[in-house]
Amino acid sequence: MSYQHKDLNLTDPTRGSLHFVMYTELRMGLAFGALNAHVTFHPQQQTPLTREWVDRLERCEPNALHCSLVSAQQEIPALFHPCVEEDKESPSAFAGSGCECRRSFYDLEFGMPVVGEHYRTVSGNIDQWFYRTYAPLDLRPDDVFDRFIVDNGHFWVRTEKGLLSILPQQTALGYGVGYEGGGPHALAAYLSEVAATGGKNTAAGAPYEKADPGILAWTESPHRTTNELTLQDLKALRRG
């Protein structure tokens, strides 16, 4: 298959999975996103920004994309079971009040599937949710890049209109900060492309050689004084 992901409308919430590229190996029971990176929010990583994102999610019926987000194939049936809070006789409930259910959501802003994984002990002293989704490959056509945010291991974009988005990311180009390695280099390449184009190109997938030395120095530094950079900050850091 020959394609350029920029030719695919992957961020139109009205079309969603119609243009979602998947990789499958049916005999192995594998199915996952071929282009969009996986993003997982663990309970200990959930911050006000995460909650802002979670609060805009809409419950929905599970579909094939939700099935591709569960951590193991045998967990797929749990997507169709109610939570113990909804039905104490649910197959996902145990010992009356414990629960290991899954919930399917939809991010209406970007058309992305989200799976919530619930773990509740019988005593209720642990009651927490994990969230799994895909990062978009680009912002929407009318979005304007305003600021980049590092938040407890996750990377976000705030648009000019205030919308919070997971930073666009391809599956093979993981991001990182605070060390010398592939993650900070991939992130620097992406941010360099944003800065070089005045925020016009926000698509994921910038090659490593696009990384500007000034922005790379920031992403690799373990002593950053800020975790937010505006578009103007990125332009100021850029040396090329």
C-alpha atoms as a PDB file:
ATOM      1  CA  MET A   1       0.000   0.000   0.000  1.00  0.00           C
ATOM      2  CA  SER A   2       1.395   3.383  -0.965  1.00  0.00           C
ATOM      3  CA  TYR A   3       0.128   6.443   0.894  1.00  0.00           C
ATOM      4  CA  GLN A   4       1.136   9.673   2.543  1.00  0.00           C
ATOM      5  CA  HIS A   5      -0.651  10.193   5.836  1.00  0.00           C
ATOM      6  CA  LYS A   6      -1.094  13.880   5.011  1.00  0.00           C
ATOM      7  CA  ASP A   7      -3.435  12.724   2.232  1.00  0.00           C
ATOM      8  CA  LEU A   8      -5.664  10.994   4.783  1.00  0.00           C
ATOM      9  CA  ASN A   9      -8.134  12.982   6.854  1.00  0.00           C
ATOM     10  CA  LEU A  10      -7.356  11.463  10.244  1.00  0.00           C
ATOM     11  CA  THR A  11      -8.560  14.276  12.496  1.00  0.00           C
ATOM     12  CA  ASP A  12     -12.105  14.859  11.241  1.00  0.00           C
ATOM     13  CA  PRO A  13     -14.373  13.764  14.125  1.00  0.00           C
ATOM     14  CA  THR A  14     -17.303  13.366  11.722  1.00  0.00           C
ATOM     15  CA  ARG A  15     -15.431  10.689   9.750  1.00  0.00           C
ATOM     16  CA  GLY A  16     -13.244   9.084  12.422  1.00  0.00           C
ATOM     17  CA  SER A  17     -12.462   5.438  11.754  1.00  0.00           C
ATOM     18  CA  LEU A  18     -13.265   5.695   8.032  1.00  0.00           C
ATOM     19  CA  HIS A  19      -9.710   6.951   7.598  1.00  0.00           C
ATOM     20  CA  PHE A  20      -7.924   5.182  10.435  1.00  0.00           C
ATOM     21  CA  VAL A  21      -5.016   3.056   9.208  1.00  0.00           C
ATOM     22  CA  MET A  22      -4.748  -0.280  11.001  1.00  0.00           C
ATOM     23  CA  TYR A  23      -2.160  -3.069  11.104  1.00  0.00           C
ATOM     24  CA  THR A  24      -3.550  -6.565  11.596  1.00  0.00           C
ATOM     25  CA  GLU A  25      -2.286 -10.139  11.821  1.00  0.00           C
ATOM     26  CA  LEU A  26      -5.482 -12.134  12.156  1.00  0.00           C
ATOM     27  CA  ARG A  27      -3.809 -15.474  12.822  1.00  0.00           C
ATOM     28  CA  MET A  28      -1.929 -13.899  15.722  1.00  0.00           C
ATOM     29  CA  GLY A  29      -4.961 -11.973  16.951  1.00  0.00           C
ATOM     30  CA  LEU A  30      -3.149  -8.657  16.484  1.00  0.00           C
ATOM     31  CA  ALA A  31      -4.831  -5.388  15.524  1.00  0.00           C
ATOM     32  CA  PHE A  32      -3.520  -1.936  16.305  1.00  0.00           C
ATOM     33  CA  GLY A  33      -3.003   1.499  14.809  1.00  0.00           C
ATOM     34  CA  ALA A  34      -0.397   1.506  12.055  1.00  0.00           C
ATOM     35  CA  LEU A  35       0.339   5.249  12.171  1.00  0.00           C
ATOM     36  CA  ASN A  36      -1.079   6.826  15.327  1.00  0.00           C
ATOM     37  CA  ALA A  37       0.983   6.354  18.495  1.00  0.00           C
ATOM     38  CA  HIS A  38      -0.572   4.713  21.560  1.00  0.00           C
ATOM     39  CA  VAL A  39      -0.993   6.916  24.642  1.00  0.00           C
ATOM     40  CA  THR A  40      -1.732   5.519  28.116  1.00  0.00           C
ATOM     41  CA  PHE A  41      -2.698   7.561  31.165  1.00  0.00           C
ATOM     42  CA  HIS A  42      -1.991   5.710  34.411  1.00  0.00           C
ATOM     43  CA  PRO A  43      -3.807   6.826  37.584  1.00  0.00           C
ATOM     44  CA  GLN A  44      -0.629   8.246  39.118  1.00  0.00           C
ATOM     45  CA  GLN A  45      -0.039  10.321  35.964  1.00  0.00           C
ATOM     46  CA  GLN A  46      -3.473  11.919  35.920  1.00  0.00           C
ATOM     47  CA  THR A  47      -3.256  15.685  36.421  1.00  0.00           C
ATOM     48  CA  PRO A  48      -5.618  18.657  35.920  1.00  0.00           C
ATOM     49  CA  LEU A  49      -4.761  18.548  32.210  1.00  0.00           C
ATOM     50  CA  THR A  50      -5.606  14.855  32.006  1.00  0.00           C
ATOM     51  CA  ARG A  51      -8.882  15.455  33.813  1.00  0.00           C
ATOM     52  CA  GLU A  52      -9.701  18.297  31.430  1.00  0.00           C
ATOM     53  CA  TRP A  53      -9.283  15.849  28.559  1.00  0.00           C
ATOM     54  CA  VAL A  54     -11.189  13.029  30.296  1.00  0.00           C
ATOM     55  CA  ASP A  55     -14.093  15.353  31.121  1.00  0.00           C
ATOM     56  CA  ARG A  56     -14.809  15.977  27.440  1.00  0.00           C
ATOM     57  CA  LEU A  57     -14.958  12.279  26.495  1.00  0.00           C
ATOM     58  CA  GLU A  58     -18.332  10.821  25.528  1.00  0.00           C
ATOM     59  CA  ARG A  59     -19.451   7.277  26.349  1.00  0.00           C
ATOM     60  CA  CYS A  60     -20.206   5.200  23.274  1.00  0.00           C
ATOM     61  CA  GLU A  61     -20.713   1.637  22.116  1.00  0.00           C
ATOM     62  CA  PRO A  62     -17.428  -0.221  21.557  1.00  0.00           C
ATOM     63  CA  ASN A  63     -16.229  -0.722  17.998  1.00  0.00           C
ATOM     64  CA  ALA A  64     -13.220  -2.305  16.281  1.00  0.00           C
ATOM     65  CA  LEU A  65     -10.952   0.608  17.189  1.00  0.00           C
ATOM     66  CA  HIS A  66     -11.739   0.197  20.888  1.00  0.00           C
ATOM     67  CA  CYS A  67     -10.903  -3.494  20.577  1.00  0.00           C
ATOM     68  CA  SER A  68      -7.489  -2.532  19.192  1.00  0.00           C
ATOM     69  CA  LEU A  69      -6.764  -0.501  22.336  1.00  0.00           C
ATOM     70  CA  VAL A  70      -7.266  -3.160  25.011  1.00  0.00           C
ATOM     71  CA  SER A  71      -4.014  -4.475  26.428  1.00  0.00           C
ATOM     72  CA  ALA A  72      -4.804  -8.151  25.690  1.00  0.00           C
ATOM     73  CA  GLN A  73      -7.157  -9.930  23.299  1.00  0.00           C
ATOM     74  CA  GLN A  74      -8.953 -11.781  26.101  1.00  0.00           C
ATOM     75  CA  GLU A  75     -10.003  -8.438  27.572  1.00  0.00           C
ATOM     76  CA  ILE A  76     -12.159  -7.508  24.569  1.00  0.00           C
ATOM     77  CA  PRO A  77     -15.394  -9.040  26.017  1.00  0.00           C
ATOM     78  CA  ALA A  78     -15.090  -6.721  29.032  1.00  0.00           C
ATOM     79  CA  LEU A  79     -15.776  -3.784  26.689  1.00  0.00           C
ATOM     80  CA  PHE A  80     -19.322  -5.102  26.402  1.00  0.00           C
ATOM     81  CA  HIS A  81     -19.874  -5.733  30.130  1.00  0.00           C
ATOM     82  CA  PRO A  82     -21.328  -3.092  32.469  1.00  0.00           C
ATOM     83  CA  CYS A  83     -19.356  -1.739  35.408  1.00  0.00           C
ATOM     84  CA  VAL A  84     -20.151  -3.041  38.909  1.00  0.00           C
ATOM     85  CA  GLU A  85     -21.504   0.451  39.594  1.00  0.00           C
ATOM     86  CA  GLU A  86     -24.112  -0.194  36.900  1.00  0.00           C
ATOM     87  CA  ASP A  87     -24.751  -3.902  37.475  1.00  0.00           C
ATOM     88  CA  LYS A  88     -23.521  -5.872  40.487  1.00  0.00           C
ATOM     89  CA  GLU A  89     -24.035  -9.091  38.497  1.00  0.00           C
ATOM     90  CA  SER A  90     -21.779  -7.945  35.655  1.00  0.00           C
ATOM     91  CA  PRO A  91     -19.224 -10.536  34.431  1.00  0.00           C
ATOM     92  CA  SER A  92     -16.582  -7.884  35.164  1.00  0.00           C
ATOM     93  CA  ALA A  93     -17.601  -7.669  38.841  1.00  0.00           C
ATOM     94  CA  PHE A  94     -16.125  -9.901  41.506  1.00  0.00           C
ATOM     95  CA  ALA A  95     -16.929 -10.608  45.157  1.00  0.00           C
ATOM     96  CA  GLY A  96     -19.902  -8.273  45.086  1.00  0.00           C
ATOM     97  CA  SER A  97     -18.171  -4.914  44.783  1.00  0.00           C
ATOM     98  CA  GLY A  98     -14.822  -5.426  43.027  1.00  0.00           C
ATOM     99  CA  CYS A  99     -14.551  -4.628  39.325  1.00  0.00           C
ATOM    100  CA  GLU A 100     -12.256  -5.026  36.315  1.00  0.00           C
ATOM    101  CA  CYS A 101     -14.452  -3.630  33.544  1.00  0.00           C
ATOM    102  CA  ARG A 102     -13.678  -1.605  30.434  1.00  0.00           C
ATOM    103  CA  ARG A 103     -15.532   1.440  29.083  1.00  0.00           C
ATOM    104  CA  SER A 104     -15.460   2.782  25.552  1.00  0.00           C
ATOM    105  CA  PHE A 105     -15.355   6.517  24.894  1.00  0.00           C
ATOM    106  CA  TYR A 106     -15.010   8.848  21.954  1.00  0.00           C
ATOM    107  CA  ASP A 107     -13.086  12.125  21.830  1.00  0.00           C
ATOM    108  CA  LEU A 108     -15.546  14.273  19.903  1.00  0.00           C
ATOM    109  CA  GLU A 109     -12.916  16.909  19.116  1.00  0.00           C
ATOM    110  CA  PHE A 110     -10.529  14.613  17.244  1.00  0.00           C
ATOM    111  CA  GLY A 111     -12.585  11.526  16.485  1.00  0.00           C
ATOM    112  CA  MET A 112     -10.299   9.273  18.518  1.00  0.00           C
ATOM    113  CA  PRO A 113     -11.391   6.105  20.367  1.00  0.00           C
ATOM    114  CA  VAL A 114     -10.603   5.884  24.078  1.00  0.00           C
ATOM    115  CA  VAL A 115     -10.772   2.867  26.379  1.00  0.00           C
ATOM    116  CA  GLY A 116     -11.061   3.288  30.138  1.00  0.00           C
ATOM    117  CA  GLU A 117      -9.818   0.345  32.241  1.00  0.00           C
ATOM    118  CA  HIS A 118     -11.396   0.193  35.685  1.00  0.00           C
ATOM    119  CA  TYR A 119      -9.856  -1.507  38.708  1.00  0.00           C
ATOM    120  CA  ARG A 120     -11.787  -1.492  41.971  1.00  0.00           C
ATOM    121  CA  THR A 121     -10.958  -3.652  44.989  1.00  0.00           C
ATOM    122  CA  VAL A 122     -13.706  -5.319  47.001  1.00  0.00           C
ATOM    123  CA  SER A 123     -13.037  -2.999  49.933  1.00  0.00           C
ATOM    124  CA  GLY A 124     -13.087   0.018  47.628  1.00  0.00           C
ATOM    125  CA  ASN A 125      -9.810   1.390  49.003  1.00  0.00           C
ATOM    126  CA  ILE A 126      -8.477   1.235  45.433  1.00  0.00           C
ATOM    127  CA  ASP A 127     -10.813   2.558  42.749  1.00  0.00           C
ATOM    128  CA  GLN A 128      -8.967   3.840  39.712  1.00  0.00           C
ATOM    129  CA  TRP A 129      -9.109   4.210  35.938  1.00  0.00           C
ATOM    130  CA  PHE A 130      -6.475   3.832  33.246  1.00  0.00           C
ATOM    131  CA  TYR A 131      -7.128   5.451  29.872  1.00  0.00           C
ATOM    132  CA  ARG A 132      -5.748   4.282  26.525  1.00  0.00           C
ATOM    133  CA  THR A 133      -6.092   6.114  23.238  1.00  0.00           C
ATOM    134  CA  TYR A 134      -4.266   7.091  20.063  1.00  0.00           C
ATOM    135  CA  ALA A 135      -2.466  10.388  19.475  1.00  0.00           C
ATOM    136  CA  PRO A 136      -3.680  12.378  16.465  1.00  0.00           C
ATOM    137  CA  LEU A 137      -1.329  12.745  13.505  1.00  0.00           C
ATOM    138  CA  ASP A 138      -2.099  16.435  13.124  1.00  0.00           C
ATOM    139  CA  LEU A 139      -4.199  19.204  14.576  1.00  0.00           C
ATOM    140  CA  ARG A 140      -7.457  19.957  12.775  1.00  0.00           C
ATOM    141  CA  PRO A 141      -7.306  22.232   9.708  1.00  0.00           C
ATOM    142  CA  ASP A 142      -8.755  25.227  11.589  1.00  0.00           C
ATOM    143  CA  ASP A 143      -6.639  24.787  14.731  1.00  0.00           C
ATOM    144  CA  VAL A 144      -3.796  27.221  15.426  1.00  0.00           C
ATOM    145  CA  PHE A 145      -0.834  26.015  17.515  1.00  0.00           C
ATOM    146  CA  ASP A 146      -0.442  28.204  20.618  1.00  0.00           C
ATOM    147  CA  ARG A 147       1.677  26.349  23.165  1.00  0.00           C
ATOM    148  CA  PHE A 148       3.420  23.050  23.885  1.00  0.00           C
ATOM    149  CA  ILE A 149       3.122  21.521  27.375  1.00  0.00           C
ATOM    150  CA  VAL A 150       5.062  18.770  29.166  1.00  0.00           C
ATOM    151  CA  ASP A 151       2.855  17.340  31.901  1.00  0.00           C
ATOM    152  CA  ASN A 152       3.945  14.424  34.099  1.00  0.00           C
ATOM    153  CA  GLY A 153       5.330  12.342  31.244  1.00  0.00           C
ATOM    154  CA  HIS A 154       2.744  13.371  28.651  1.00  0.00           C
ATOM    155  CA  PHE A 155       2.894  15.925  25.860  1.00  0.00           C
ATOM    156  CA  TRP A 156       0.080  18.301  24.940  1.00  0.00           C
ATOM    157  CA  VAL A 157      -0.783  21.164  22.610  1.00  0.00           C
ATOM    158  CA  ARG A 158      -3.027  24.050  23.573  1.00  0.00           C
ATOM    159  CA  THR A 159      -4.569  25.724  20.534  1.00  0.00           C
ATOM    160  CA  GLU A 160      -5.175  29.441  20.119  1.00  0.00           C
ATOM    161  CA  LYS A 161      -8.844  28.853  21.000  1.00  0.00           C
ATOM    162  CA  GLY A 162      -7.876  27.046  24.211  1.00  0.00           C
ATOM    163  CA  LEU A 163      -8.547  23.464  23.092  1.00  0.00           C
ATOM    164  CA  LEU A 164      -6.287  20.855  24.678  1.00  0.00           C
ATOM    165  CA  SER A 165      -4.950  18.134  22.384  1.00  0.00           C
ATOM    166  CA  ILE A 166      -2.553  15.254  22.819  1.00  0.00           C
ATOM    167  CA  LEU A 167       0.564  16.198  20.855  1.00  0.00           C
ATOM    168  CA  PRO A 168       0.444  14.731  17.330  1.00  0.00           C
ATOM    169  CA  GLN A 169       2.715  11.694  17.193  1.00  0.00           C
ATOM    170  CA  GLN A 170       3.488   8.757  14.908  1.00  0.00           C
ATOM    171  CA  THR A 171       3.757   5.286  16.357  1.00  0.00           C
ATOM    172  CA  ALA A 172       7.450   4.798  15.503  1.00  0.00           C
ATOM    173  CA  LEU A 173       8.610   8.193  16.815  1.00  0.00           C
ATOM    174  CA  GLY A 174       8.220   8.144  20.589  1.00  0.00           C
ATOM    175  CA  TYR A 175       8.788  11.424  22.434  1.00  0.00           C
ATOM    176  CA  GLY A 176      10.831  12.104  25.543  1.00  0.00           C
ATOM    177  CA  VAL A 177      12.584  14.895  27.463  1.00  0.00           C
ATOM    178  CA  GLY A 178      15.511  15.276  29.824  1.00  0.00           C
ATOM    179  CA  TYR A 179      18.130  12.954  28.311  1.00  0.00           C
ATOM    180  CA  GLU A 180      20.156  12.382  25.162  1.00  0.00           C
ATOM    181  CA  GLY A 181      18.338   9.852  23.009  1.00  0.00           C
ATOM    182  CA  GLY A 182      15.775   9.147  20.336  1.00  0.00           C
ATOM    183  CA  GLY A 183      12.752  10.435  22.287  1.00  0.00           C
ATOM    184  CA  PRO A 184      14.023  13.996  22.833  1.00  0.00           C
ATOM    185  CA  HIS A 185      15.399  14.042  19.282  1.00  0.00           C
ATOM    186  CA  ALA A 186      12.034  13.047  17.762  1.00  0.00           C
ATOM    187  CA  LEU A 187      10.261  15.659  19.896  1.00  0.00           C
ATOM    188  CA  ALA A 188      12.793  18.356  18.915  1.00  0.00           C
ATOM    189  CA  ALA A 189      12.335  17.509  15.235  1.00  0.00           C
ATOM    190  CA  TYR A 190       8.570  17.908  15.568  1.00  0.00           C
ATOM    191  CA  LEU A 191       8.778  21.198  17.480  1.00  0.00           C
ATOM    192  CA  SER A 192      11.412  22.514  15.076  1.00  0.00           C
ATOM    193  CA  GLU A 193       9.070  21.937  12.157  1.00  0.00           C
ATOM    194  CA  VAL A 194       6.290  23.751  14.006  1.00  0.00           C
ATOM    195  CA  ALA A 195       8.582  26.700  14.732  1.00  0.00           C
ATOM    196  CA  ALA A 196      10.058  26.831  11.229  1.00  0.00           C
ATOM    197  CA  THR A 197       6.611  27.035   9.639  1.00  0.00           C
ATOM    198  CA  GLY A 198       5.182  29.550  12.109  1.00  0.00           C
ATOM    199  CA  GLY A 199       2.852  26.900  13.505  1.00  0.00           C
ATOM    200  CA  LYS A 200       1.382  26.060  10.104  1.00  0.00           C
ATOM    201  CA  ASN A 201       2.756  22.516   9.927  1.00  0.00           C
ATOM    202  CA  THR A 202       1.629  20.584  12.998  1.00  0.00           C
ATOM    203  CA  ALA A 203       1.679  17.117  11.408  1.00  0.00           C
ATOM    204  CA  ALA A 204       3.635  14.374  13.175  1.00  0.00           C
ATOM    205  CA  GLY A 205       6.513  12.585  11.511  1.00  0.00           C
ATOM    206  CA  ALA A 206       9.274  15.181  11.105  1.00  0.00           C
ATOM    207  CA  PRO A 207      12.585  13.384  10.339  1.00  0.00           C
ATOM    208  CA  TYR A 208      15.360  13.523  12.941  1.00  0.00           C
ATOM    209  CA  GLU A 209      17.539  15.772  10.773  1.00  0.00           C
ATOM    210  CA  LYS A 210      14.902  18.518  11.117  1.00  0.00           C
ATOM    211  CA  ALA A 211      15.756  18.931  14.812  1.00  0.00           C
ATOM    212  CA  ASP A 212      17.091  22.426  15.435  1.00  0.00           C
ATOM    213  CA  PRO A 213      20.111  22.505  17.816  1.00  0.00           C
ATOM    214  CA  GLY A 214      18.508  25.112  20.089  1.00  0.00           C
ATOM    215  CA  ILE A 215      15.256  23.195  20.470  1.00  0.00           C
ATOM    216  CA  LEU A 216      17.133  19.895  20.807  1.00  0.00           C
ATOM    217  CA  ALA A 217      19.189  21.366  23.654  1.00  0.00           C
ATOM    218  CA  TRP A 218      15.921  22.224  25.430  1.00  0.00           C
ATOM    219  CA  THR A 219      14.313  18.782  24.966  1.00  0.00           C
ATOM    220  CA  GLU A 220      17.503  17.003  26.086  1.00  0.00           C
ATOM    221  CA  SER A 221      18.096  19.209  29.141  1.00  0.00           C
ATOM    222  CA  PRO A 222      17.289  17.657  32.540  1.00  0.00           C
ATOM    223  CA  HIS A 223      17.324  21.186  34.010  1.00  0.00           C
ATOM    224  CA  ARG A 224      14.529  22.896  32.092  1.00  0.00           C
ATOM    225  CA  THR A 225      13.117  25.905  33.924  1.00  0.00           C
ATOM    226  CA  THR A 226       9.690  25.597  32.293  1.00  0.00           C
ATOM    227  CA  ASN A 227       7.424  22.851  31.002  1.00  0.00           C
ATOM    228  CA  GLU A 228       5.541  25.141  28.628  1.00  0.00           C
ATOM    229  CA  LEU A 229       6.705  26.754  25.402  1.00  0.00           C
ATOM    230  CA  THR A 230       4.617  29.114  23.308  1.00  0.00           C
ATOM    231  CA  LEU A 231       5.051  29.282  19.554  1.00  0.00           C
ATOM    232  CA  GLN A 232       7.064  32.464  20.096  1.00  0.00           C
ATOM    233  CA  ASP A 233       9.275  30.647  22.618  1.00  0.00           C
ATOM    234  CA  LEU A 234       9.940  27.908  20.055  1.00  0.00           C
ATOM    235  CA  LYS A 235      10.873  30.500  17.444  1.00  0.00           C
ATOM    236  CA  ALA A 236      13.259  32.138  19.926  1.00  0.00           C
ATOM    237  CA  LEU A 237      14.930  28.801  20.738  1.00  0.00           C
ATOM    238  CA  ARG A 238      15.370  27.937  17.092  1.00  0.00           C
ATOM    239  CA  ARG A 239      18.899  28.636  15.863  1.00  0.00           C
ATOM    240  CA  GLY A 240      18.494  27.500  12.253  1.00  0.00           C
END
